Amino acid sequence: MIDKLKTITLDHNYRHCVEWLGCPWGHAVAPSTPIQDYRLHVLAWQHHFAAIFGLEAMSRVRGFSPSEMALPNHPDVAYEFVKTLKDCGYQWVLVQEHTVEQPENGRTSERPHIPHRLTCTNSHGETVSIIAIIKTQGSDTKLVAQMQPFYEARGQSRWELAGKTVPPLITQIADGENGGVMMNEFPHKFFEVSNDSSGSDTPMMNVTEYLEHLFAMGIKEQDLPMSQPVMQKRIWDNFQAGDGPDKMEQIIEQLKKEDSQFHMDGGSWTNDISWVKGYENVLDPMEKVSSLFNEKAIKAGIPSNDHRYRNALFHLMASQTSCYRYWGQGLWTDYGQEICRRASDILNYDL
């Protein structure tokens, strides 16, 4: 299978057909993974990909797909998330429609099929931004298997952007496992839509290819409409950027008391799953291991190519896999705790 993936990745005849997206190595969810560790996940995936497909192929990976579509909405965490992606060379990130809002009114985007600028400011007043491609609710797993976004795209018209009219981009994503629809329904439907779209006014197009067309028209990144992680407008209405993390935490706690629906847990595929609440028995050991790794491996200056460092890093990142929270309490959370225990033992006794 890896050899087949090498064909579509490295063969010039296939390059325009397939676009790889980066992701965190251990399928860690950004809102509740220690920010310094999330950066390690992003780098580890790049190293892993380059080891298989080469550095040239890695240089063509411009987009990033967060695990479980989870986007942090705490300003400090969101800032570090975007900064990590930018520092690692990514040009754009895929986000879920209901995880972002318009800064001016706190509502979801009025033009979700146009690229946005995801702009994140932290409590110290530092700002960073990245292009955000919004995946709408109409392109979730089962509908993607039936290529529903293609039919949605056929009903769209061109939109005005920076004084030019541009075609919208309908973006789809699916994990392929739920209900077997991707395995059973997708293949033949993909071929059917490929035939129908080829040579039409609604062609298939990769995101980076689409962005290149926009930029060739003279549109610049600063021309794109702004967005920010959901619920942040409530914070900025009450907080002056630069007042620091302590003041921000006071504002956040006050907003939580005023509105039980307000949270800083981030957003993902659905609004009814929190990556934090109810998972203290996994998050506490995970955060302790993260702190221990920083102390025993990073600060101690253990070389990253040392077997002990790599063994500890492997267990640290494996302990942060989303499944240890997504599936609730029980066996999966036990797995998460056990991997944290093993990581602690490695850090305490091997380093």
Protein backbone atom coordinates (compact mmCIF):
# COMPACT_ATOMS: atom_id res chain seq x y z
CA MET A 1 0.00 0.00 0.00
CA ILE A 2 2.84 2.41 0.80
CA ASP A 3 4.35 1.67 -2.63
CA LYS A 4 1.01 2.59 -4.23
CA LEU A 5 0.93 5.79 -2.20
CA LYS A 6 4.45 6.55 -3.43
CA THR A 7 3.18 6.29 -7.00
CA ILE A 8 0.44 8.89 -6.57
CA THR A 9 2.74 11.09 -4.47
CA LEU A 10 5.93 11.05 -6.50
CA ASP A 11 4.87 10.33 -10.09
CA HIS A 12 4.48 13.64 -11.99
CA ASN A 13 1.42 12.24 -13.79
CA TYR A 14 -0.50 12.05 -10.51
CA ARG A 15 0.75 15.11 -8.64
CA HIS A 16 -2.06 17.40 -9.76
CA CYS A 17 -4.65 14.81 -8.74
CA VAL A 18 -3.63 14.24 -5.11
CA GLU A 19 -2.85 16.69 -2.32
CA TRP A 20 -1.58 15.45 1.03
CA LEU A 21 -2.55 17.32 4.19
CA GLY A 22 -0.38 17.45 7.28
CA CYS A 23 -1.71 16.44 10.68
CA PRO A 24 -0.42 15.74 14.20
CA TRP A 25 1.54 12.47 14.37
CA GLY A 26 -0.41 10.94 17.25
CA HIS A 27 -3.90 12.16 16.29
CA ALA A 28 -3.82 14.62 19.19
CA VAL A 29 -6.65 17.13 19.55
CA ALA A 30 -5.30 20.68 19.66
CA PRO A 31 -7.65 22.21 22.29
CA SER A 32 -6.55 19.90 25.11
CA THR A 33 -3.03 18.83 24.15
CA PRO A 34 -0.20 20.77 25.85
CA ILE A 35 0.85 23.35 23.28
CA GLN A 36 4.54 22.47 23.41
CA ASP A 37 3.67 18.83 22.73
CA TYR A 38 1.33 19.67 19.87
CA ARG A 39 4.28 21.25 18.10
CA LEU A 40 6.19 17.97 18.59
CA HIS A 41 3.29 16.09 16.98
CA VAL A 42 3.29 18.40 13.94
CA LEU A 43 7.06 18.07 13.50
CA ALA A 44 6.99 14.30 14.02
CA TRP A 45 4.40 13.87 11.25
CA GLN A 46 6.57 15.91 8.88
CA HIS A 47 9.63 13.81 9.73
CA HIS A 48 7.62 10.59 9.28
CA PHE A 49 6.19 11.71 5.94
CA ALA A 50 9.60 12.86 4.66
CA ALA A 51 11.17 9.55 5.70
CA ILE A 52 8.67 7.70 3.48
CA PHE A 53 8.20 10.06 0.53
CA GLY A 54 11.23 12.38 0.63
CA LEU A 55 11.85 16.03 1.38
CA GLU A 56 10.67 17.25 -2.02
CA ALA A 57 7.26 15.66 -1.48
CA MET A 58 7.15 17.14 2.01
CA SER A 59 7.78 20.61 0.57
CA ARG A 60 4.52 20.26 -1.41
CA VAL A 61 2.38 19.65 1.71
CA ARG A 62 0.82 23.08 2.22
CA GLY A 63 -2.43 22.31 4.02
CA PHE A 64 -3.13 21.03 7.53
CA SER A 65 -6.03 18.92 8.78
CA PRO A 66 -6.49 18.99 12.59
CA SER A 67 -7.51 15.73 14.25
CA GLU A 68 -11.28 15.51 14.77
CA MET A 69 -11.51 18.98 13.18
CA ALA A 70 -10.74 20.27 16.67
CA LEU A 71 -9.86 23.97 16.73
CA PRO A 72 -8.78 25.63 20.01
CA ASN A 73 -10.78 28.70 20.97
CA HIS A 74 -8.85 29.80 24.04
CA PRO A 75 -6.93 32.81 22.67
CA ASP A 76 -3.52 31.74 23.99
CA VAL A 77 -3.90 28.14 22.79
CA ALA A 78 -5.35 29.18 19.42
CA TYR A 79 -2.45 31.59 18.91
CA GLU A 80 0.12 28.87 19.60
CA PHE A 81 -1.78 26.44 17.34
CA VAL A 82 -1.64 28.81 14.35
CA LYS A 83 1.92 29.87 15.12
CA THR A 84 3.01 26.22 15.13
CA LEU A 85 1.44 25.66 11.72
CA LYS A 86 3.04 28.79 10.28
CA ASP A 87 6.46 27.97 11.79
CA CYS A 88 6.24 24.49 10.27
CA GLY A 89 5.61 25.89 6.79
CA TYR A 90 1.86 25.38 6.37
CA GLN A 91 -0.09 27.80 4.19
CA TRP A 92 -3.66 26.89 5.12
CA VAL A 93 -5.74 24.92 7.61
CA LEU A 94 -9.06 23.13 7.27
CA VAL A 95 -11.69 24.18 9.84
CA GLN A 96 -15.26 23.19 10.65
CA GLU A 97 -18.00 25.73 9.93
CA HIS A 98 -19.27 26.11 13.48
CA THR A 99 -15.80 26.39 15.06
CA VAL A 100 -15.13 29.88 13.66
CA GLU A 101 -16.96 33.20 13.85
CA GLN A 102 -16.88 36.64 12.29
CA PRO A 103 -14.95 39.02 14.58
CA GLU A 104 -17.39 41.89 14.05
CA ASN A 105 -20.57 40.07 15.16
CA GLY A 106 -19.67 36.59 16.47
CA ARG A 107 -21.79 34.84 13.82
CA THR A 108 -20.78 32.05 11.48
CA SER A 109 -19.40 33.10 8.11
CA GLU A 110 -21.85 34.44 5.55
CA ARG A 111 -19.62 33.19 2.72
CA PRO A 112 -18.15 29.91 3.99
CA HIS A 113 -17.00 28.74 0.56
CA ILE A 114 -14.53 31.59 0.19
CA PRO A 115 -11.13 31.22 1.91
CA HIS A 116 -10.81 33.20 5.15
CA ARG A 117 -7.97 34.53 7.25
CA LEU A 118 -8.03 32.75 10.61
CA THR A 119 -6.62 35.44 12.89
CA CYS A 120 -5.63 34.64 16.47
CA THR A 121 -4.50 37.13 19.12
CA ASN A 122 -3.15 36.05 22.50
CA SER A 123 -3.40 37.65 25.93
CA HIS A 124 -0.12 39.50 25.36
CA GLY A 125 -1.48 41.19 22.23
CA GLU A 126 0.52 39.13 19.72
CA THR A 127 -1.34 38.22 16.52
CA VAL A 128 -0.81 35.52 13.91
CA SER A 129 -2.97 34.42 10.99
CA ILE A 130 -3.27 31.61 8.44
CA ILE A 131 -5.61 30.93 5.53
CA ALA A 132 -8.63 28.92 6.68
CA ILE A 133 -10.66 26.71 4.36
CA ILE A 134 -14.11 26.18 5.86
CA LYS A 135 -15.74 22.78 5.63
CA THR A 136 -19.50 23.16 5.93
CA GLN A 137 -21.96 20.93 7.72
CA GLY A 138 -23.26 19.75 4.35
CA SER A 139 -20.12 17.73 3.64
CA ASP A 140 -19.89 15.32 6.56
CA THR A 141 -18.94 11.68 6.31
CA LYS A 142 -22.02 9.98 4.85
CA LEU A 143 -22.74 12.77 2.38
CA VAL A 144 -19.12 12.87 1.24
CA ALA A 145 -19.35 9.18 0.35
CA GLN A 146 -22.12 10.12 -2.05
CA MET A 147 -20.07 13.13 -3.31
CA GLN A 148 -22.81 15.49 -2.13
CA PRO A 149 -20.45 18.52 -2.18
CA PHE A 150 -20.22 18.22 -5.97
CA TYR A 151 -23.97 18.66 -6.29
CA GLU A 152 -23.84 21.54 -3.81
CA ALA A 153 -21.09 23.14 -5.92
CA ARG A 154 -23.18 22.93 -9.09
CA GLY A 155 -25.81 25.13 -7.44
CA GLN A 156 -23.33 27.87 -6.50
CA SER A 157 -22.57 31.08 -8.39
CA ARG A 158 -19.48 33.27 -8.46
CA TRP A 159 -18.87 35.62 -5.54
CA GLU A 160 -17.22 39.04 -5.35
CA LEU A 161 -13.83 39.15 -3.61
CA ALA A 162 -11.43 42.12 -3.68
CA GLY A 163 -13.18 43.60 -6.68
CA LYS A 164 -13.10 40.37 -8.67
CA THR A 165 -15.62 37.59 -9.14
CA VAL A 166 -14.37 34.19 -8.06
CA PRO A 167 -15.87 30.70 -8.00
CA PRO A 168 -16.53 29.27 -4.52
CA LEU A 169 -14.73 26.13 -3.33
CA ILE A 170 -16.87 23.40 -1.76
CA THR A 171 -14.58 21.43 0.53
CA GLN A 172 -15.26 17.94 1.77
CA ILE A 173 -13.62 15.62 4.31
CA ALA A 174 -14.45 12.24 5.78
CA ASP A 175 -12.62 9.76 7.97
CA GLY A 176 -13.91 6.77 6.07
CA GLU A 177 -14.97 4.53 8.92
CA ASN A 178 -18.44 5.53 10.05
CA GLY A 179 -21.12 3.21 8.77
CA GLY A 180 -18.84 1.76 6.11
CA VAL A 181 -20.09 4.39 3.66
CA MET A 182 -16.65 5.44 2.47
CA MET A 183 -15.62 1.86 1.79
CA ASN A 184 -18.88 0.77 0.20
CA GLU A 185 -20.44 3.82 -1.45
CA PHE A 186 -17.57 6.17 -2.22
CA PRO A 187 -15.54 4.35 -4.93
CA HIS A 188 -18.20 4.04 -7.64
CA LYS A 189 -19.69 7.45 -6.80
CA PHE A 190 -16.26 9.05 -7.06
CA PHE A 191 -15.79 7.67 -10.58
CA GLU A 192 -19.27 8.84 -11.58
CA VAL A 193 -18.67 12.38 -10.32
CA SER A 194 -15.19 12.44 -11.85
CA ASN A 195 -16.76 11.77 -15.24
CA ASP A 196 -19.54 14.34 -14.72
CA SER A 197 -17.23 17.10 -13.47
CA SER A 198 -14.40 16.70 -15.98
CA GLY A 199 -14.54 19.49 -18.55
CA SER A 200 -17.50 21.12 -16.78
CA ASP A 201 -17.87 24.47 -15.01
CA THR A 202 -17.60 22.58 -11.72
CA PRO A 203 -14.24 20.81 -11.86
CA MET A 204 -12.53 18.91 -9.07
CA MET A 205 -9.72 20.97 -7.60
CA ASN A 206 -7.27 20.68 -4.72
CA VAL A 207 -7.21 23.54 -2.24
CA THR A 208 -3.63 24.66 -2.91
CA GLU A 209 -4.41 24.66 -6.65
CA TYR A 210 -7.49 26.80 -6.01
CA LEU A 211 -5.49 29.27 -3.89
CA GLU A 212 -2.86 29.54 -6.62
CA HIS A 213 -5.60 30.52 -9.09
CA LEU A 214 -6.87 33.20 -6.69
CA PHE A 215 -3.41 34.65 -6.17
CA ALA A 216 -2.75 34.60 -9.93
CA MET A 217 -5.81 36.84 -10.28
CA GLY A 218 -4.10 39.40 -8.05
CA ILE A 219 -6.01 38.54 -4.87
CA LYS A 220 -3.82 38.71 -1.77
CA GLU A 221 -4.12 36.97 1.58
CA GLN A 222 -5.06 40.25 3.28
CA ASP A 223 -8.04 40.53 0.91
CA LEU A 224 -9.66 37.45 2.44
CA PRO A 225 -12.42 37.96 5.03
CA MET A 226 -11.31 37.52 8.64
CA SER A 227 -12.48 34.85 11.03
CA GLN A 228 -11.53 33.84 14.55
CA PRO A 229 -12.20 30.81 16.78
CA VAL A 230 -15.75 30.63 18.08
CA MET A 231 -16.74 32.49 21.29
CA GLN A 232 -13.74 34.80 21.19
CA LYS A 233 -15.81 37.91 20.47
CA ARG A 234 -17.24 37.62 23.97
CA ILE A 235 -13.70 37.80 25.34
CA TRP A 236 -12.53 40.70 23.17
CA ASP A 237 -15.65 42.68 24.13
CA ASN A 238 -14.42 42.56 27.73
CA PHE A 239 -10.64 42.26 27.43
CA GLN A 240 -7.97 44.61 26.13
CA ALA A 241 -5.34 42.71 24.12
CA GLY A 242 -2.06 42.89 26.01
CA ASP A 243 -3.51 42.85 29.52
CA GLY A 244 -1.95 39.43 30.10
CA PRO A 245 -3.05 35.86 30.86
CA ASP A 246 -4.18 36.46 34.46
CA LYS A 247 -6.63 39.16 33.46
CA MET A 248 -7.86 37.00 30.56
CA GLU A 249 -8.53 34.04 32.87
CA GLN A 250 -10.58 36.32 35.13
CA ILE A 251 -12.68 37.41 32.16
CA ILE A 252 -13.15 33.81 30.99
CA GLU A 253 -14.28 32.65 34.44
CA GLN A 254 -16.69 35.56 34.67
CA LEU A 255 -18.19 34.73 31.26
CA LYS A 256 -18.59 31.09 32.29
CA LYS A 257 -20.56 32.17 35.38
CA GLU A 258 -22.80 34.40 33.29
CA ASP A 259 -23.47 31.79 30.59
CA SER A 260 -23.30 28.02 31.09
CA GLN A 261 -22.94 27.56 27.33
CA PHE A 262 -19.73 29.58 27.18
CA HIS A 263 -16.56 27.47 27.18
CA MET A 264 -12.93 27.41 26.11
CA ASP A 265 -12.88 23.68 25.26
CA GLY A 266 -12.50 24.30 21.53
CA GLY A 267 -14.73 23.04 18.74
CA SER A 268 -14.73 19.92 16.57
CA TRP A 269 -16.95 17.80 14.31
CA THR A 270 -19.89 18.26 16.65
CA ASN A 271 -20.89 20.75 19.31
CA ASP A 272 -21.84 18.09 21.85
CA ILE A 273 -18.38 16.64 22.50
CA SER A 274 -15.91 18.23 24.89
CA TRP A 275 -12.27 17.18 24.85
CA VAL A 276 -11.87 18.36 28.44
CA LYS A 277 -14.96 17.85 30.62
CA GLY A 278 -15.13 14.46 32.28
CA TYR A 279 -11.64 13.40 31.23
CA GLU A 280 -9.60 14.69 34.17
CA ASN A 281 -8.46 11.11 34.91
CA VAL A 282 -6.66 11.11 31.55
CA LEU A 283 -5.75 14.78 31.20
CA ASP A 284 -4.09 15.05 34.61
CA PRO A 285 -1.62 12.19 33.97
CA MET A 286 -1.07 13.48 30.44
CA GLU A 287 -0.17 16.95 31.66
CA LYS A 288 2.13 15.52 34.34
CA VAL A 289 3.96 13.40 31.75
CA SER A 290 4.23 16.42 29.48
CA SER A 291 5.82 18.45 32.29
CA LEU A 292 8.12 15.55 33.15
CA PHE A 293 9.22 15.19 29.51
CA ASN A 294 9.99 18.89 29.33
CA GLU A 295 12.08 18.65 32.50
CA LYS A 296 13.88 15.34 31.92
CA ALA A 297 14.34 15.40 28.14
CA ILE A 298 14.08 18.96 26.79
CA LYS A 299 15.64 21.01 29.59
CA ALA A 300 18.18 18.28 30.34
CA GLY A 301 19.43 18.56 26.77
CA ILE A 302 19.02 14.90 25.81
CA PRO A 303 19.76 14.70 22.05
CA SER A 304 16.61 14.09 20.02
CA ASN A 305 18.30 11.19 18.20
CA ASP A 306 19.08 9.43 21.50
CA HIS A 307 17.08 6.18 21.86
CA ARG A 308 15.93 7.17 25.36
CA TYR A 309 14.59 10.49 24.09
CA ARG A 310 12.81 8.85 21.17
CA ASN A 311 11.30 6.13 23.37
CA ALA A 312 9.99 8.72 25.81
CA LEU A 313 8.70 10.91 22.96
CA PHE A 314 6.91 7.96 21.36
CA HIS A 315 5.05 7.17 24.59
CA LEU A 316 4.32 10.84 25.28
CA MET A 317 2.70 11.36 21.87
CA ALA A 318 0.90 8.01 21.93
CA SER A 319 -0.66 8.97 25.28
CA GLN A 320 -2.26 12.02 23.66
CA THR A 321 -4.28 10.19 21.00
CA SER A 322 -7.85 11.48 20.79
CA CYS A 323 -9.44 8.04 21.30
CA TYR A 324 -8.57 8.08 25.00
CA ARG A 325 -11.21 10.80 25.38
CA TYR A 326 -13.56 10.45 22.42
CA TRP A 327 -14.84 7.04 23.49
CA GLY A 328 -15.73 8.05 27.05
CA GLN A 329 -14.81 6.37 30.30
CA GLY A 330 -13.74 2.73 30.52
CA LEU A 331 -11.24 0.66 28.59
CA TRP A 332 -9.98 3.47 26.35
CA THR A 333 -9.28 5.88 29.19
CA ASP A 334 -7.52 3.01 30.97
CA TYR A 335 -5.27 2.64 27.92
CA GLY A 336 -4.45 6.34 28.07
CA GLN A 337 -3.55 6.17 31.74
CA GLU A 338 -1.38 3.08 31.23
CA ILE A 339 0.60 4.69 28.41
CA CYS A 340 1.12 7.76 30.62
CA ARG A 341 2.42 5.46 33.37
CA ARG A 342 4.87 3.81 30.98
CA ALA A 343 6.05 7.19 29.73
CA SER A 344 6.61 8.32 33.33
CA ASP A 345 8.65 5.21 34.07
CA ILE A 346 10.85 5.78 31.02
CA LEU A 347 11.42 9.42 31.98
CA ASN A 348 12.08 8.68 35.66
CA TYR A 349 14.26 5.58 35.34
CA ASP A 350 15.82 5.57 31.84
CA LEU A 351 16.84 9.22 31.50
